[in-house]
Protein backbone atom coordinates (compact mmCIF):
# COMPACT_ATOMS: atom_id res chain seq x y z
CA MET A 1 -49.81 76.97 -29.97
CA ASN A 2 -52.68 75.38 -28.87
CA PRO A 3 -52.09 72.26 -25.92
CA GLY A 4 -53.05 68.81 -26.70
CA VAL A 5 -55.45 66.75 -24.95
CA ALA A 6 -53.62 66.06 -21.93
CA ASP A 7 -52.90 70.00 -21.26
CA LEU A 8 -56.58 70.00 -21.31
CA ASN A 9 -56.94 67.41 -19.02
CA ARG A 10 -54.25 68.59 -16.94
CA HIS A 11 -55.49 72.01 -16.54
CA ARG A 12 -59.32 71.59 -15.43
CA TYR A 13 -60.82 71.14 -12.14
CA ASN A 14 -60.18 67.85 -10.33
CA GLY A 15 -61.48 66.61 -6.97
CA THR A 16 -62.03 63.72 -5.07
CA SER A 17 -63.98 62.90 -2.23
CA ASP A 18 -61.51 60.37 -0.47
CA ASN A 19 -58.24 62.06 0.40
CA ASP A 20 -59.96 62.04 4.27
CA ASP A 21 -57.28 59.71 5.38
CA VAL A 22 -54.65 61.63 4.12
CA PHE A 23 -56.02 64.33 6.14
CA ARG A 24 -56.30 62.44 9.12
CA ALA A 25 -53.16 61.26 9.03
CA TYR A 26 -51.44 64.56 8.69
CA ARG A 27 -52.92 65.68 11.73
CA ARG A 28 -50.92 62.39 13.58
CA TRP A 29 -47.88 63.14 11.37
CA ALA A 30 -47.68 66.79 11.43
CA GLY A 31 -43.70 68.21 12.32
CA ALA A 32 -42.22 64.90 10.65
CA PRO A 33 -41.18 65.24 7.18
CA MET A 34 -43.27 63.96 5.03
CA ALA A 35 -44.49 64.10 1.27
CA ILE A 36 -47.34 64.65 -0.54
CA ALA A 37 -48.25 62.10 -3.93
CA THR A 38 -50.64 63.56 -6.72
CA VAL A 39 -52.45 62.36 -9.73
CA ILE A 40 -52.44 65.18 -11.75
CA SER A 41 -53.24 64.05 -15.29
CA THR A 42 -55.22 60.42 -16.43
CA TRP A 43 -55.47 59.01 -19.95
CA GLY A 44 -57.84 55.49 -20.35
CA SER A 45 -58.53 53.51 -17.87
CA ALA A 46 -56.50 54.73 -14.83
CA PRO A 47 -57.48 53.40 -11.43
CA ARG A 48 -57.13 56.61 -9.45
CA PRO A 49 -59.19 60.11 -10.56
CA ARG A 50 -57.08 63.51 -10.52
CA GLY A 51 -56.85 64.80 -7.43
CA SER A 52 -55.87 61.86 -5.51
CA HIS A 53 -53.40 61.99 -2.81
CA MET A 54 -51.17 59.79 -0.99
CA LEU A 55 -48.86 60.89 1.89
CA VAL A 56 -45.76 59.58 2.85
CA HIS A 57 -43.68 59.75 5.76
CA VAL A 58 -39.90 59.98 6.53
CA ASP A 59 -39.98 56.59 7.64
CA GLY A 60 -41.84 54.52 4.91
CA ARG A 61 -45.79 54.93 6.35
CA SER A 62 -48.54 55.94 4.15
CA ALA A 63 -51.80 57.43 3.16
CA GLY A 64 -54.36 57.33 0.44
CA SER A 65 -53.91 55.95 -2.83
CA VAL A 66 -52.66 57.46 -6.06
CA SER A 67 -53.22 53.82 -8.42
CA GLY A 68 -54.77 51.58 -5.91
CA GLY A 69 -51.24 50.06 -5.34
CA CYS A 70 -49.94 49.01 -8.74
CA VAL A 71 -47.48 51.98 -8.51
CA GLU A 72 -46.84 52.57 -5.27
CA ASN A 73 -43.75 51.29 -4.17
CA ASP A 74 -41.73 53.47 -6.56
CA VAL A 75 -43.73 56.45 -5.07
CA HIS A 76 -42.11 55.89 -2.01
CA VAL A 77 -39.14 55.70 -3.37
CA ALA A 78 -39.89 59.05 -4.96
CA ALA A 79 -41.30 60.55 -1.93
CA ALA A 80 -38.40 59.54 -0.08
CA GLU A 81 -36.27 61.25 -2.54
CA ALA A 82 -38.83 64.14 -2.56
CA ILE A 83 -38.31 64.41 1.23
CA ALA A 84 -34.39 63.97 1.51
CA SER A 85 -33.54 66.53 -1.01
CA ASP A 86 -36.63 69.04 -0.30
CA SER A 87 -37.48 69.14 -3.97
CA THR A 88 -40.07 67.91 -6.46
CA ALA A 89 -40.40 65.52 -8.96
CA MET A 90 -42.80 63.99 -11.46
CA ARG A 91 -43.76 60.45 -12.30
CA ARG A 92 -45.50 59.29 -15.47
CA TYR A 93 -47.21 55.12 -15.49
CA GLY A 94 -48.66 53.50 -18.03
CA VAL A 95 -48.20 49.56 -19.83
CA THR A 96 -45.61 51.62 -22.45
CA ASP A 97 -43.55 51.69 -20.31
CA GLY A 98 -40.87 48.86 -20.69
CA SER A 99 -40.68 48.98 -16.65
CA ALA A 100 -44.98 48.34 -16.89
CA TRP A 101 -45.25 45.25 -15.53
CA GLU A 102 -43.07 46.29 -12.43
CA VAL A 103 -43.61 49.27 -11.46
CA GLY A 104 -46.98 50.11 -14.93
CA LEU A 105 -50.41 50.07 -15.11
CA SER A 106 -51.78 47.02 -16.36
CA CYS A 107 -55.36 47.53 -16.72
CA GLY A 108 -54.33 49.82 -19.39
CA GLY A 109 -53.95 53.65 -18.67
CA SER A 110 -51.78 56.30 -17.39
CA ILE A 111 -51.50 57.81 -15.18
CA GLU A 112 -48.98 61.71 -13.96
CA ILE A 113 -48.21 62.00 -10.67
CA LEU A 114 -46.44 64.68 -8.40
CA ILE A 115 -44.70 64.63 -5.79
CA GLN A 116 -43.92 67.07 -3.20
CA PRO A 117 -42.22 67.78 -0.23
CA VAL A 118 -44.61 69.01 2.82
CA ALA A 119 -42.49 72.25 3.03
CA ALA A 120 -42.42 75.77 2.54
CA THR A 121 -40.83 75.38 -0.71
CA ALA A 122 -44.05 73.09 -2.13
CA PHE A 123 -47.37 71.43 -0.57
CA SER A 124 -46.74 73.97 2.85
CA PRO A 125 -47.43 72.63 6.18
CA GLY A 126 -50.05 75.66 6.36
CA LEU A 127 -52.20 74.20 2.94
CA PHE A 128 -53.01 71.13 5.46
CA ASP A 129 -54.41 73.43 7.35
CA ALA A 130 -56.16 75.64 5.04
CA ILE A 131 -57.69 73.15 3.89
CA ASP A 132 -58.72 71.29 7.20
CA ASN A 133 -60.42 75.11 7.84
CA SER A 134 -62.04 75.94 5.32
CA ARG A 135 -64.00 72.18 4.78
CA ALA A 136 -64.83 72.29 8.57
CA ALA A 137 -66.92 75.39 8.06
CA GLY A 138 -68.41 73.82 4.93
CA GLN A 139 -66.50 75.46 2.24
CA PRO A 140 -64.91 74.01 -0.63
CA ILE A 141 -61.32 75.06 -1.86
CA ALA A 142 -59.54 75.44 -4.32
CA VAL A 143 -55.56 74.90 -4.27
CA TYR A 144 -53.30 75.91 -7.48
CA THR A 145 -50.03 74.39 -8.02
CA ASP A 146 -47.89 75.81 -10.62
CA LEU A 147 -46.02 72.89 -12.36
CA THR A 148 -43.70 74.89 -13.48
CA THR A 149 -41.81 75.71 -9.93
CA GLY A 150 -43.65 72.99 -7.97
CA LEU A 151 -45.28 75.50 -5.24
CA SER A 152 -48.92 75.36 -4.50
CA THR A 153 -51.17 77.46 -2.83
CA ILE A 154 -55.04 78.91 -2.80
CA HIS A 155 -54.27 82.04 -4.33
CA GLU A 156 -55.46 81.28 -7.82
CA LYS A 157 -52.52 81.38 -10.46
CA ASN A 158 -52.59 82.59 -14.00
CA SER A 159 -49.31 80.62 -15.54
CA GLU A 160 -50.91 78.22 -18.32
CA ASN A 161 -48.86 75.17 -16.37
CA VAL A 162 -51.45 75.07 -13.07
CA PHE A 163 -53.37 72.29 -11.78
CA VAL A 164 -56.25 72.83 -9.41
CA ASN A 165 -57.58 70.19 -7.07
CA PHE A 166 -60.67 70.92 -5.11
CA TYR A 167 -61.35 69.70 -2.14
CA LEU A 168 -65.18 69.15 -0.90
CA PRO A 169 -66.69 69.52 2.97
CA PRO A 170 -66.44 66.18 4.28
CA ARG A 171 -70.03 64.18 3.37
CA ARG A 172 -72.49 63.47 5.25
CA LEU A 173 -75.54 61.48 5.27
CA ILE A 174 -78.50 62.79 7.11
CA ILE A 175 -81.23 59.85 7.43
CA VAL A 176 -84.60 61.06 8.48
CA GLY A 177 -86.42 57.71 10.42
CA ALA A 178 -84.71 55.16 12.30
CA VAL A 179 -86.36 51.83 10.34
CA GLN A 180 -84.26 48.90 9.86
CA ILE A 181 -83.73 50.59 6.53
CA ALA A 182 -81.72 53.22 8.38
CA GLN A 183 -79.79 50.97 9.67
CA ALA A 184 -78.09 49.33 7.08
CA LEU A 185 -77.47 52.42 5.41
CA THR A 186 -75.52 54.09 8.56
CA ASP A 187 -73.09 50.51 8.06
CA ILE A 188 -72.50 52.04 4.69
CA ALA A 189 -72.27 55.13 5.05
CA LEU A 190 -69.75 54.78 7.15
CA THR A 191 -67.84 52.19 4.85
CA LEU A 192 -67.68 54.76 2.07
CA GLY A 193 -66.96 57.56 4.94
CA LEU A 194 -69.60 59.66 5.40
CA THR A 195 -70.68 60.79 8.33
CA PRO A 196 -74.49 59.18 9.54
CA ILE A 197 -76.74 60.89 11.04
CA VAL A 198 -79.92 59.83 12.36
CA ILE A 199 -83.36 61.85 12.81
CA ASP A 200 -85.79 60.97 14.30
CA PRO A 201 -88.24 62.13 17.85
CA ARG A 202 -89.59 58.58 18.52
CA PRO A 203 -87.25 57.67 21.40
CA ASN A 204 -87.58 53.95 21.12
CA LEU A 205 -86.09 53.52 17.67
CA LEU A 206 -83.51 55.74 18.05
CA THR A 207 -80.89 54.36 20.37
CA ALA A 208 -77.40 54.04 21.10
CA GLU A 209 -77.99 49.93 20.47
CA ARG A 210 -79.89 50.27 16.90
CA PHE A 211 -77.02 53.25 15.97
CA PRO A 212 -73.85 52.70 17.67
CA GLY A 213 -71.82 54.01 15.32
CA ALA A 214 -74.54 57.58 14.15
CA ILE A 215 -75.42 60.69 15.33
CA ARG A 216 -78.31 60.40 16.38
CA ASP A 217 -80.70 63.78 16.82
CA GLY A 218 -84.15 63.36 18.60
CA ARG A 219 -85.21 66.84 17.21
CA TRP A 220 -88.03 66.69 14.90
CA PRO A 221 -86.59 67.01 11.23
CA ASP A 222 -87.00 70.14 9.91
CA GLU A 223 -85.81 72.24 12.94
CA ALA A 224 -82.86 69.49 13.16
CA ILE A 225 -81.83 69.29 9.44
CA LYS A 226 -82.12 73.38 10.08
CA SER A 227 -79.22 73.23 12.47
CA LEU A 228 -77.55 71.18 10.11
CA ARG A 229 -77.04 73.06 6.99
CA PRO A 230 -76.73 70.86 4.28
CA ASN A 231 -74.57 71.86 2.18
CA ALA A 232 -73.47 70.58 -1.65
CA ALA A 233 -71.51 67.84 0.21
CA THR A 234 -74.60 66.19 2.38
CA ALA A 235 -77.55 63.47 1.28
CA VAL A 236 -80.89 64.14 3.08
CA VAL A 237 -82.75 60.41 2.59
CA THR A 238 -86.45 60.48 4.11
CA LEU A 239 -87.38 56.19 4.63
CA SER A 240 -89.92 56.66 7.84
CA HIS A 241 -93.28 56.23 5.76
CA ASP A 242 -94.93 58.95 8.45
CA THR A 243 -95.96 62.05 6.24
CA LYS A 244 -95.67 64.25 9.67
CA ILE A 245 -91.88 63.35 9.97
CA ASP A 246 -91.32 62.67 6.35
CA ASP A 247 -92.42 66.35 4.70
CA PRO A 248 -91.28 68.74 6.99
CA ALA A 249 -87.82 67.37 6.58
CA LEU A 250 -88.12 67.05 2.78
CA ILE A 251 -89.47 71.18 2.57
CA ALA A 252 -86.29 71.89 5.03
CA ALA A 253 -83.56 69.90 2.52
CA LEU A 254 -85.20 71.60 -0.41
CA ALA A 255 -84.45 74.74 0.82
CA ALA A 256 -80.91 74.42 1.57
CA PRO A 257 -78.61 73.47 -1.60
CA THR A 258 -78.42 69.79 -0.12
CA GLY A 259 -76.49 67.84 -2.82
CA TYR A 260 -78.87 64.97 -2.70
CA VAL A 261 -82.43 64.89 -1.34
CA ALA A 262 -84.18 61.37 -1.84
CA ALA A 263 -87.48 59.63 -0.36
CA LEU A 264 -88.42 55.87 -0.24
CA GLY A 265 -91.75 54.73 -1.11
CA SER A 266 -93.31 53.74 -4.58
CA ARG A 267 -94.20 55.61 -7.52
CA ARG A 268 -97.27 55.52 -6.62
CA SER A 269 -96.98 57.59 -3.26
CA HIS A 270 -93.96 59.38 -4.72
CA ALA A 271 -96.52 60.75 -6.82
CA ALA A 272 -98.94 61.71 -3.60
CA ARG A 273 -96.21 63.18 -1.29
CA LEU A 274 -95.71 65.31 -4.41
CA GLU A 275 -99.03 66.65 -4.52
CA ARG A 276 -98.61 67.47 -0.33
CA LEU A 277 -95.64 69.35 -0.97
CA ARG A 278 -97.08 71.31 -3.94
CA GLY A 279 -100.15 72.30 -1.96
CA ALA A 280 -97.31 73.05 1.30
CA GLY A 281 -95.97 75.95 -1.35
CA VAL A 282 -92.97 74.24 -2.44
CA GLU A 283 -91.79 75.35 -6.30
CA PRO A 284 -91.81 72.85 -9.36
CA SER A 285 -87.81 73.11 -9.61
CA ALA A 286 -87.37 72.32 -6.27
CA LEU A 287 -89.90 69.05 -6.29
CA ALA A 288 -87.67 67.79 -9.15
CA ARG A 289 -84.63 67.66 -7.25
CA ILE A 290 -85.66 64.98 -4.92
CA GLU A 291 -85.15 61.81 -6.51
CA GLY A 292 -88.21 58.90 -5.35
CA PRO A 293 -88.13 56.48 -5.20
CA ALA A 294 -85.03 56.64 -3.78
CA GLY A 295 -81.69 55.57 -4.97
CA ILE A 296 -80.71 53.25 -8.34
CA ASP A 297 -83.13 50.51 -9.29
CA LEU A 298 -81.73 47.39 -8.29
CA HIS A 299 -84.96 45.04 -8.53
CA ALA A 300 -83.75 44.87 -4.36
CA ASN A 301 -85.03 42.88 -1.49
CA GLY A 302 -84.95 43.50 2.17
CA ALA A 303 -83.50 46.12 3.86
CA ALA A 304 -79.69 45.83 2.99
CA GLU A 305 -80.26 45.84 -0.45
CA ILE A 306 -82.20 48.47 -0.53
CA ALA A 307 -79.89 50.78 1.68
CA LEU A 308 -77.34 49.39 -1.23
CA SER A 309 -79.81 50.85 -4.01
CA ILE A 310 -79.99 53.97 -2.14
CA ALA A 311 -76.36 53.97 -1.25
CA ALA A 312 -75.86 54.31 -5.00
CA GLY A 313 -77.78 57.01 -5.76
CA MET A 314 -76.45 59.37 -3.58
CA VAL A 315 -72.81 58.54 -4.64
CA ARG A 316 -73.58 59.24 -8.12
CA ALA A 317 -75.95 62.45 -7.15
CA LEU A 318 -72.82 63.72 -4.38
CA SER A 319 -69.95 62.90 -7.26
CA GLN A 320 -71.53 65.00 -9.93
CA GLN A 321 -71.35 67.89 -6.98
CA MET A 322 -67.99 68.21 -8.11
CA PRO A 323 -66.31 70.41 -10.54
């Protein structure tokens, strides 16, 4: 029999970029009894994407989110039961439920959530270590969960009833040019959970006072970017308006599988930039990867609004890197 829409939805590769607080919480709580809840299917206007996690400590503390808040009290109860019984449970929430306004989704969607004890029989502590190690090495990793047995593993499963969650490396934003827009963009990146790295060989601009939350790199951009090895979870944005700084940075970013490459400037200046890079030997297919002018057109005015438009373009591009 052909699978229904819900089944096809369930078996796709999934991923979300904001589970970092869950992994940090696990490291703080390691050794204590815990349960992990995962959104495995969504229908309609679901508040959280497939792959979203919530980690629940035996004492009731939690990290992460599976619904934005509307069903999480009930998930806490299910998590406590999973910890006590060392067993896996499934919950489905939607507005058609009799308890919709108590523990359902008033947004009109439905979600299915898997709750597993953090134990060898379900979601083992070793999985957290494997995910951490792979992401720290800049490599994506997939975790396969057999929904019949409730067991998760990094080994691919041939079962028909498998949910696959895909974890990308931590996201980074490499900003070239320690200018005013870079200050605002650094703040936004931190709010979004990205690690901001500001590169500028001009020490009078690249100061701790101007960039207190960023990693500061005073090398020439091409050298710095090559050593940082940008990947699909990395954005590189050039802001200096100095071709001696920006152009080598773009060439280095395009030589790597960088998830988002953007350059500040007008359409006219971007056309001139492309001509320079073409003369430097950059292939047309690589040039097409540069978003220029950087970001989404918000009719922005001022450094903060320009930074917001760039951040929006970056989020859009990095989200498209997920399977």
